[in-house]
Amino acid sequence: MPDRPEIVCICGSARFVDEMRAANRELTLAGIIVVAPGEADGSVTDEQKTVLDALHLRKIDLADRVLVVNPGGYVGESTSREIDYSRATGKPVSFTHPAPAAT
């Protein structure tokens, strides 16, 4: 048995907040520590988005693996950057739905 539970970082578009919450709940109930994107009610400034994007990369650093919540295979620009970052740092990346074809 490991010294600590697995840590999973959830990534995905803000449009999938309900799906990310469901994934968070499922993983948590399975005994996994979950780090997820911060939720901001309403719009955020460009400066706040820059801070949130950088913060999320640090969350990826803390994780053992990354789960991309991507209904319909959708992966936006920010999530794509997070996937690239995860892979560059050696983090396994999985998807809730079939991953989009590589371009």
N, C-alpha and C. Protein backbone atom coordinates (compact mmCIF):
# COMPACT_ATOMS: atom_id res chain seq x y z
N MET A 1 0.85 -1.19 0.00
CA MET A 1 0.00 0.00 0.00
C MET A 1 0.88 1.25 0.00
N PRO A 2 0.59 2.19 -0.86
CA PRO A 2 1.43 3.39 -0.93
C PRO A 2 1.32 4.22 0.36
N ASP A 3 2.32 5.07 0.56
CA ASP A 3 2.34 5.94 1.74
C ASP A 3 1.23 6.99 1.69
N ARG A 4 0.76 7.28 0.51
CA ARG A 4 -0.30 8.28 0.35
C ARG A 4 -1.17 7.89 -0.83
N PRO A 5 -2.39 8.41 -0.85
CA PRO A 5 -3.25 8.13 -2.00
C PRO A 5 -2.68 8.76 -3.27
N GLU A 6 -3.09 8.22 -4.40
CA GLU A 6 -2.73 8.80 -5.68
C GLU A 6 -3.30 10.21 -5.77
N ILE A 7 -2.59 11.09 -6.47
CA ILE A 7 -3.05 12.46 -6.71
C ILE A 7 -3.30 12.62 -8.21
N VAL A 8 -4.51 13.05 -8.55
CA VAL A 8 -4.89 13.26 -9.94
C VAL A 8 -5.27 14.73 -10.14
N CYS A 9 -4.74 15.32 -11.18
CA CYS A 9 -5.11 16.69 -11.55
C CYS A 9 -6.09 16.61 -12.71
N ILE A 10 -7.25 17.23 -12.51
CA ILE A 10 -8.26 17.30 -13.55
C ILE A 10 -8.01 18.54 -14.41
N CYS A 11 -8.05 18.35 -15.72
CA CYS A 11 -7.94 19.45 -16.67
C CYS A 11 -9.16 19.41 -17.57
N GLY A 12 -9.54 20.56 -18.09
CA GLY A 12 -10.64 20.61 -19.03
C GLY A 12 -11.16 22.02 -19.18
N SER A 13 -12.00 22.19 -20.17
CA SER A 13 -12.60 23.49 -20.45
C SER A 13 -13.58 23.88 -19.35
N ALA A 14 -13.62 25.17 -19.06
CA ALA A 14 -14.57 25.68 -18.06
C ALA A 14 -16.02 25.38 -18.44
N ARG A 15 -16.27 25.14 -19.72
CA ARG A 15 -17.64 24.80 -20.14
C ARG A 15 -18.08 23.44 -19.61
N PHE A 16 -17.10 22.64 -19.13
CA PHE A 16 -17.40 21.30 -18.62
C PHE A 16 -17.34 21.24 -17.10
N VAL A 17 -17.70 22.34 -16.43
CA VAL A 17 -17.59 22.39 -14.98
C VAL A 17 -18.40 21.27 -14.32
N ASP A 18 -19.59 20.98 -14.81
CA ASP A 18 -20.40 19.92 -14.20
C ASP A 18 -19.74 18.56 -14.37
N GLU A 19 -19.18 18.30 -15.54
CA GLU A 19 -18.50 17.04 -15.79
C GLU A 19 -17.23 16.92 -14.94
N MET A 20 -16.51 18.04 -14.76
CA MET A 20 -15.31 18.01 -13.92
C MET A 20 -15.69 17.76 -12.46
N ARG A 21 -16.79 18.36 -12.01
CA ARG A 21 -17.25 18.10 -10.64
C ARG A 21 -17.60 16.62 -10.46
N ALA A 22 -18.26 16.03 -11.46
CA ALA A 22 -18.62 14.61 -11.39
C ALA A 22 -17.36 13.74 -11.33
N ALA A 23 -16.36 14.05 -12.16
CA ALA A 23 -15.11 13.30 -12.15
C ALA A 23 -14.41 13.45 -10.80
N ASN A 24 -14.43 14.67 -10.25
CA ASN A 24 -13.82 14.94 -8.95
C ASN A 24 -14.49 14.07 -7.88
N ARG A 25 -15.81 14.04 -7.89
CA ARG A 25 -16.55 13.25 -6.91
C ARG A 25 -16.21 11.77 -7.04
N GLU A 26 -16.23 11.26 -8.27
CA GLU A 26 -15.96 9.84 -8.51
C GLU A 26 -14.56 9.45 -8.04
N LEU A 27 -13.57 10.27 -8.39
CA LEU A 27 -12.19 9.99 -7.98
C LEU A 27 -12.03 10.08 -6.46
N THR A 28 -12.63 11.10 -5.87
CA THR A 28 -12.53 11.28 -4.42
C THR A 28 -13.14 10.09 -3.69
N LEU A 29 -14.30 9.64 -4.14
CA LEU A 29 -14.94 8.49 -3.50
C LEU A 29 -14.15 7.20 -3.70
N ALA A 30 -13.27 7.19 -4.70
CA ALA A 30 -12.39 6.05 -4.93
C ALA A 30 -11.10 6.15 -4.11
N GLY A 31 -11.00 7.19 -3.27
CA GLY A 31 -9.84 7.35 -2.40
C GLY A 31 -8.67 8.06 -3.03
N ILE A 32 -8.94 8.83 -4.07
CA ILE A 32 -7.89 9.56 -4.79
C ILE A 32 -7.96 11.04 -4.39
N ILE A 33 -6.79 11.64 -4.20
CA ILE A 33 -6.72 13.08 -3.95
C ILE A 33 -6.86 13.79 -5.29
N VAL A 34 -7.74 14.76 -5.36
CA VAL A 34 -8.01 15.46 -6.62
C VAL A 34 -7.62 16.92 -6.50
N VAL A 35 -6.89 17.40 -7.49
CA VAL A 35 -6.66 18.83 -7.65
C VAL A 35 -7.31 19.20 -8.97
N ALA A 36 -8.04 20.29 -8.96
CA ALA A 36 -8.85 20.66 -10.12
C ALA A 36 -8.73 22.15 -10.39
N PRO A 37 -9.18 22.56 -11.58
CA PRO A 37 -9.15 23.99 -11.89
C PRO A 37 -9.96 24.79 -10.87
N GLY A 38 -9.49 25.99 -10.59
CA GLY A 38 -10.27 26.88 -9.74
C GLY A 38 -11.51 27.33 -10.48
N GLU A 39 -12.57 27.51 -9.74
CA GLU A 39 -13.82 27.97 -10.35
C GLU A 39 -13.99 29.45 -10.04
N ALA A 40 -14.31 30.20 -11.07
CA ALA A 40 -14.55 31.63 -10.90
C ALA A 40 -15.96 31.93 -11.40
N ASP A 41 -16.78 32.44 -10.52
CA ASP A 41 -18.12 32.84 -10.93
C ASP A 41 -18.01 34.10 -11.77
N GLY A 42 -18.61 34.08 -12.93
CA GLY A 42 -18.55 35.25 -13.80
C GLY A 42 -17.25 35.27 -14.58
N SER A 43 -16.98 36.41 -15.17
CA SER A 43 -15.80 36.53 -16.02
C SER A 43 -14.57 36.88 -15.18
N VAL A 44 -13.42 36.56 -15.73
CA VAL A 44 -12.15 36.92 -15.10
C VAL A 44 -11.38 37.82 -16.04
N THR A 45 -10.53 38.63 -15.47
CA THR A 45 -9.71 39.51 -16.29
C THR A 45 -8.60 38.70 -16.96
N ASP A 46 -7.97 39.28 -17.95
CA ASP A 46 -6.85 38.62 -18.62
C ASP A 46 -5.74 38.32 -17.61
N GLU A 47 -5.51 39.28 -16.70
CA GLU A 47 -4.47 39.09 -15.68
C GLU A 47 -4.83 37.92 -14.76
N GLN A 48 -6.09 37.83 -14.35
CA GLN A 48 -6.51 36.73 -13.49
C GLN A 48 -6.38 35.40 -14.24
N LYS A 49 -6.72 35.38 -15.53
CA LYS A 49 -6.61 34.14 -16.30
C LYS A 49 -5.15 33.69 -16.38
N THR A 50 -4.24 34.63 -16.55
CA THR A 50 -2.81 34.31 -16.59
C THR A 50 -2.38 33.67 -15.28
N VAL A 51 -2.82 34.25 -14.16
CA VAL A 51 -2.50 33.70 -12.83
C VAL A 51 -3.09 32.30 -12.68
N LEU A 52 -4.35 32.13 -13.06
CA LEU A 52 -5.01 30.83 -12.92
C LEU A 52 -4.33 29.77 -13.80
N ASP A 53 -3.94 30.15 -15.01
CA ASP A 53 -3.27 29.21 -15.90
C ASP A 53 -1.94 28.75 -15.30
N ALA A 54 -1.16 29.68 -14.76
CA ALA A 54 0.13 29.33 -14.14
C ALA A 54 -0.09 28.48 -12.90
N LEU A 55 -1.09 28.80 -12.11
CA LEU A 55 -1.41 28.04 -10.92
C LEU A 55 -1.78 26.61 -11.27
N HIS A 56 -2.52 26.44 -12.36
CA HIS A 56 -2.93 25.09 -12.74
C HIS A 56 -1.73 24.24 -13.16
N LEU A 57 -0.71 24.85 -13.76
CA LEU A 57 0.50 24.09 -14.08
C LEU A 57 1.18 23.60 -12.82
N ARG A 58 1.15 24.40 -11.76
CA ARG A 58 1.72 23.95 -10.48
C ARG A 58 0.91 22.80 -9.90
N LYS A 59 -0.40 22.81 -10.12
CA LYS A 59 -1.24 21.69 -9.68
C LYS A 59 -0.85 20.42 -10.43
N ILE A 60 -0.57 20.55 -11.71
CA ILE A 60 -0.10 19.40 -12.49
C ILE A 60 1.20 18.88 -11.91
N ASP A 61 2.09 19.78 -11.50
CA ASP A 61 3.36 19.38 -10.89
C ASP A 61 3.13 18.51 -9.65
N LEU A 62 2.08 18.81 -8.88
CA LEU A 62 1.79 18.07 -7.65
C LEU A 62 1.20 16.68 -7.93
N ALA A 63 0.63 16.49 -9.09
CA ALA A 63 -0.13 15.28 -9.39
C ALA A 63 0.75 14.12 -9.85
N ASP A 64 0.20 12.92 -9.65
CA ASP A 64 0.83 11.71 -10.17
C ASP A 64 0.42 11.48 -11.63
N ARG A 65 -0.78 11.92 -11.96
CA ARG A 65 -1.28 11.79 -13.33
C ARG A 65 -2.33 12.86 -13.58
N VAL A 66 -2.69 13.01 -14.85
CA VAL A 66 -3.65 14.03 -15.29
C VAL A 66 -4.84 13.34 -15.95
N LEU A 67 -6.04 13.80 -15.61
CA LEU A 67 -7.26 13.33 -16.26
C LEU A 67 -7.87 14.51 -16.98
N VAL A 68 -8.01 14.39 -18.30
CA VAL A 68 -8.62 15.44 -19.11
C VAL A 68 -10.10 15.12 -19.28
N VAL A 69 -10.95 16.03 -18.82
CA VAL A 69 -12.40 15.90 -19.00
C VAL A 69 -12.72 16.57 -20.33
N ASN A 70 -13.11 15.74 -21.32
CA ASN A 70 -13.27 16.26 -22.68
C ASN A 70 -14.49 15.66 -23.39
N PRO A 71 -15.70 15.94 -22.90
CA PRO A 71 -16.89 15.43 -23.59
C PRO A 71 -16.86 15.76 -25.09
N GLY A 72 -17.23 14.77 -25.88
CA GLY A 72 -17.23 14.97 -27.33
C GLY A 72 -15.84 15.06 -27.92
N GLY A 73 -14.80 14.80 -27.12
CA GLY A 73 -13.43 14.89 -27.59
C GLY A 73 -12.88 16.30 -27.62
N TYR A 74 -13.66 17.28 -27.10
CA TYR A 74 -13.24 18.68 -27.18
C TYR A 74 -12.07 18.97 -26.24
N VAL A 75 -11.05 19.58 -26.78
CA VAL A 75 -9.90 20.07 -26.01
C VAL A 75 -9.59 21.47 -26.52
N GLY A 76 -9.74 22.46 -25.65
CA GLY A 76 -9.47 23.84 -26.02
C GLY A 76 -7.99 24.19 -25.95
N GLU A 77 -7.71 25.43 -26.24
CA GLU A 77 -6.32 25.90 -26.29
C GLU A 77 -5.60 25.75 -24.95
N SER A 78 -6.22 26.21 -23.86
CA SER A 78 -5.58 26.13 -22.54
C SER A 78 -5.36 24.68 -22.13
N THR A 79 -6.38 23.85 -22.36
CA THR A 79 -6.25 22.44 -21.98
C THR A 79 -5.18 21.76 -22.82
N SER A 80 -5.09 22.11 -24.08
CA SER A 80 -4.05 21.56 -24.94
C SER A 80 -2.67 21.90 -24.41
N ARG A 81 -2.49 23.14 -23.96
CA ARG A 81 -1.20 23.54 -23.36
C ARG A 81 -0.92 22.72 -22.10
N GLU A 82 -1.95 22.49 -21.30
CA GLU A 82 -1.78 21.70 -20.07
C GLU A 82 -1.40 20.26 -20.39
N ILE A 83 -1.99 19.70 -21.44
CA ILE A 83 -1.64 18.34 -21.88
C ILE A 83 -0.18 18.30 -22.31
N ASP A 84 0.23 19.26 -23.14
CA ASP A 84 1.62 19.33 -23.59
C ASP A 84 2.57 19.45 -22.40
N TYR A 85 2.22 20.32 -21.45
CA TYR A 85 3.05 20.51 -20.25
C TYR A 85 3.14 19.20 -19.46
N SER A 86 2.00 18.56 -19.28
CA SER A 86 1.97 17.30 -18.52
C SER A 86 2.88 16.26 -19.15
N ARG A 87 2.75 16.10 -20.44
CA ARG A 87 3.57 15.10 -21.14
C ARG A 87 5.06 15.47 -21.10
N ALA A 88 5.36 16.76 -21.23
CA ALA A 88 6.76 17.21 -21.19
C ALA A 88 7.39 16.96 -19.83
N THR A 89 6.57 16.95 -18.78
CA THR A 89 7.09 16.71 -17.43
C THR A 89 6.93 15.25 -17.01
N GLY A 90 6.52 14.40 -17.95
CA GLY A 90 6.45 12.97 -17.68
C GLY A 90 5.20 12.48 -16.97
N LYS A 91 4.17 13.30 -16.93
CA LYS A 91 2.93 12.88 -16.27
C LYS A 91 2.07 12.08 -17.25
N PRO A 92 1.57 10.93 -16.80
CA PRO A 92 0.62 10.20 -17.65
C PRO A 92 -0.65 11.03 -17.83
N VAL A 93 -1.20 11.02 -19.03
CA VAL A 93 -2.41 11.78 -19.35
C VAL A 93 -3.46 10.80 -19.87
N SER A 94 -4.66 10.87 -19.28
CA SER A 94 -5.78 10.08 -19.79
C SER A 94 -6.95 11.01 -20.04
N PHE A 95 -7.93 10.51 -20.79
CA PHE A 95 -9.07 11.31 -21.22
C PHE A 95 -10.37 10.61 -20.83
N THR A 96 -11.40 11.39 -20.52
CA THR A 96 -12.71 10.80 -20.23
C THR A 96 -13.41 10.34 -21.49
N HIS A 97 -13.04 10.92 -22.62
CA HIS A 97 -13.63 10.58 -23.91
C HIS A 97 -12.48 10.38 -24.90
N PRO A 98 -12.73 9.72 -26.01
CA PRO A 98 -11.63 9.50 -26.97
C PRO A 98 -10.89 10.81 -27.27
N ALA A 99 -9.58 10.73 -27.20
CA ALA A 99 -8.76 11.92 -27.44
C ALA A 99 -8.87 12.36 -28.89
N PRO A 100 -8.78 13.65 -29.13
CA PRO A 100 -8.81 14.13 -30.51
C PRO A 100 -7.59 13.63 -31.26
N ALA A 101 -7.73 13.48 -32.55
CA ALA A 101 -6.62 13.04 -33.39
C ALA A 101 -5.51 14.07 -33.34
N ALA A 102 -4.29 13.61 -33.27
CA ALA A 102 -3.14 14.52 -33.26
C ALA A 102 -3.03 15.21 -34.60
N THR A 103 -2.65 16.48 -34.56
CA THR A 103 -2.52 17.24 -35.81
C THR A 103 -1.09 17.37 -36.20
